[in-house]
Structures are given as C-alpha cells and as structure tokens.
Amino acid sequence: MGERKRKVLKALVTEQGLADVQTARILQLTQPHRRGYCRDCGEKIAAARMDINPDALRCLSCQVAYEQPEAIA
C-alpha cells in the first residue's frame, strides 16, 4: 500500500473519531504480512511452527482464535 493510501485511510479513521489503537490495527492489516510474525498480534511465530508450516500467518494462539472464535468468548 502506498503512502498516499495510508494517509487517506488514517485521515478517514481519525475523522470518524476512532482510537489510535484502532487506527494502528487498520494500518497493520492493510500492510503486507511480515514473514515469521503473527498477522493478528504481531508477535514472532514460534520457530517450530514455522518449520512445520513456513507459510503460517498467525501464531498458534491467534490461529486457534481465528478458527474457533467461540473458544475465546
């Protein structure tokens, strides 16, 4: 995503009065995934998980929450 798109998105979010945390989350979701780091929480994905699944997008905890949202409720 280009810098212009990020600025427009941030302006829209700010205009709607959303918290900075939500803005950061939206910006994080619109940026390309960083290999080896969880898409949801941003923490480093365990090496053992990356060995088994090199294309993993989430750490184990976030993957379970993603697949079974009712499990965290």
C-alpha atoms as a PDB file:
ATOM      1  CA  MET A   1       0.000   0.000   0.000  1.00  0.00           C
ATOM      2  CA  GLY A   2       1.339   3.370  -0.941  1.00  0.00           C
ATOM      3  CA  GLU A   3       1.979   6.241   1.427  1.00  0.00           C
ATOM      4  CA  ARG A   4      -0.917   8.211  -0.047  1.00  0.00           C
ATOM      5  CA  LYS A   5      -3.385   5.385   0.640  1.00  0.00           C
ATOM      6  CA  ARG A   6      -2.126   5.081   4.217  1.00  0.00           C
ATOM      7  CA  LYS A   7      -2.606   8.816   4.781  1.00  0.00           C
ATOM      8  CA  VAL A   8      -6.116   8.761   3.308  1.00  0.00           C
ATOM      9  CA  LEU A   9      -7.067   5.746   5.415  1.00  0.00           C
ATOM     10  CA  LYS A  10      -5.641   7.331   8.553  1.00  0.00           C
ATOM     11  CA  ALA A  11      -7.499  10.577   7.829  1.00  0.00           C
ATOM     12  CA  LEU A  12     -10.776   8.690   7.399  1.00  0.00           C
ATOM     13  CA  VAL A  13     -10.278   6.791  10.620  1.00  0.00           C
ATOM     14  CA  THR A  14      -9.294   9.937  12.529  1.00  0.00           C
ATOM     15  CA  GLU A  15     -12.269  11.823  11.081  1.00  0.00           C
ATOM     16  CA  GLN A  16     -14.588   9.183  12.468  1.00  0.00           C
ATOM     17  CA  GLY A  17     -13.072   9.621  15.925  1.00  0.00           C
ATOM     18  CA  LEU A  18     -11.690   6.114  16.323  1.00  0.00           C
ATOM     19  CA  ALA A  19      -8.905   5.495  18.831  1.00  0.00           C
ATOM     20  CA  ASP A  20      -5.256   5.482  17.775  1.00  0.00           C
ATOM     21  CA  VAL A  21      -5.106   1.787  18.636  1.00  0.00           C
ATOM     22  CA  GLN A  22      -7.806   1.053  16.082  1.00  0.00           C
ATOM     23  CA  THR A  23      -6.001   3.195  13.528  1.00  0.00           C
ATOM     24  CA  ALA A  24      -2.799   1.252  14.099  1.00  0.00           C
ATOM     25  CA  ARG A  25      -4.682  -2.022  13.764  1.00  0.00           C
ATOM     26  CA  ILE A  26      -6.254  -0.974  10.468  1.00  0.00           C
ATOM     27  CA  LEU A  27      -2.895   0.175   9.137  1.00  0.00           C
ATOM     28  CA  GLN A  28      -1.330  -3.112  10.243  1.00  0.00           C
ATOM     29  CA  LEU A  29      -3.990  -5.114   8.419  1.00  0.00           C
ATOM     30  CA  THR A  30      -3.517  -3.153   5.202  1.00  0.00           C
ATOM     31  CA  GLN A  31       0.245  -3.574   5.135  1.00  0.00           C
ATOM     32  CA  PRO A  32       1.893  -6.625   3.639  1.00  0.00           C
ATOM     33  CA  HIS A  33       2.468  -9.521   6.028  1.00  0.00           C
ATOM     34  CA  ARG A  34       5.925  -9.779   7.587  1.00  0.00           C
ATOM     35  CA  ARG A  35       7.106 -13.368   7.294  1.00  0.00           C
ATOM     36  CA  GLY A  36       7.576 -15.044  10.666  1.00  0.00           C
ATOM     37  CA  TYR A  37       5.404 -12.568  12.581  1.00  0.00           C
ATOM     38  CA  CYS A  38       1.764 -13.091  13.512  1.00  0.00           C
ATOM     39  CA  ARG A  39      -0.677 -11.138  11.371  1.00  0.00           C
ATOM     40  CA  ASP A  40      -3.035 -10.660  14.342  1.00  0.00           C
ATOM     41  CA  CYS A  41      -0.877  -9.950  17.402  1.00  0.00           C
ATOM     42  CA  GLY A  42       2.433  -9.042  15.734  1.00  0.00           C
ATOM     43  CA  GLU A  43       4.468 -11.417  17.908  1.00  0.00           C
ATOM     44  CA  LYS A  44       7.147 -13.659  16.415  1.00  0.00           C
ATOM     45  CA  ILE A  45       5.757 -17.030  15.322  1.00  0.00           C
ATOM     46  CA  ALA A  46       7.480 -19.949  17.077  1.00  0.00           C
ATOM     47  CA  ALA A  47      10.310 -21.487  15.063  1.00  0.00           C
ATOM     48  CA  ALA A  48       8.786 -24.963  15.436  1.00  0.00           C
ATOM     49  CA  ARG A  49       5.543 -23.712  13.876  1.00  0.00           C
ATOM     50  CA  MET A  50       7.424 -22.038  11.021  1.00  0.00           C
ATOM     51  CA  ASP A  51       9.372 -25.275  10.453  1.00  0.00           C
ATOM     52  CA  ILE A  52       6.125 -27.218  10.103  1.00  0.00           C
ATOM     53  CA  ASN A  53       4.267 -24.525   8.166  1.00  0.00           C
ATOM     54  CA  PRO A  54       6.630 -21.950   6.603  1.00  0.00           C
ATOM     55  CA  ASP A  55       3.643 -20.006   5.240  1.00  0.00           C
ATOM     56  CA  ALA A  56       1.960 -19.581   8.645  1.00  0.00           C
ATOM     57  CA  LEU A  57       0.330 -16.170   9.003  1.00  0.00           C
ATOM     58  CA  ARG A  58      -0.584 -16.439  12.697  1.00  0.00           C
ATOM     59  CA  CYS A  59       0.949 -17.715  15.917  1.00  0.00           C
ATOM     60  CA  LEU A  60      -0.714 -20.825  17.329  1.00  0.00           C
ATOM     61  CA  SER A  61      -2.872 -18.903  19.824  1.00  0.00           C
ATOM     62  CA  CYS A  62      -4.188 -16.485  17.202  1.00  0.00           C
ATOM     63  CA  GLN A  63      -4.732 -19.299  14.698  1.00  0.00           C
ATOM     64  CA  VAL A  64      -6.894 -21.178  17.216  1.00  0.00           C
ATOM     65  CA  ALA A  65      -8.849 -17.980  17.947  1.00  0.00           C
ATOM     66  CA  TYR A  66      -9.265 -17.375  14.205  1.00  0.00           C
ATOM     67  CA  GLU A  67     -10.536 -20.897  13.550  1.00  0.00           C
ATOM     68  CA  GLN A  68     -12.678 -21.153  16.681  1.00  0.00           C
ATOM     69  CA  PRO A  69     -13.814 -17.658  17.680  1.00  0.00           C
ATOM     70  CA  GLU A  70     -16.321 -19.052  20.181  1.00  0.00           C
ATOM     71  CA  ALA A  71     -13.414 -20.675  22.092  1.00  0.00           C
ATOM     72  CA  ILE A  72     -12.188 -17.278  23.327  1.00  0.00           C
ATOM     73  CA  ALA A  73     -15.616 -15.961  24.314  1.00  0.00           C
END
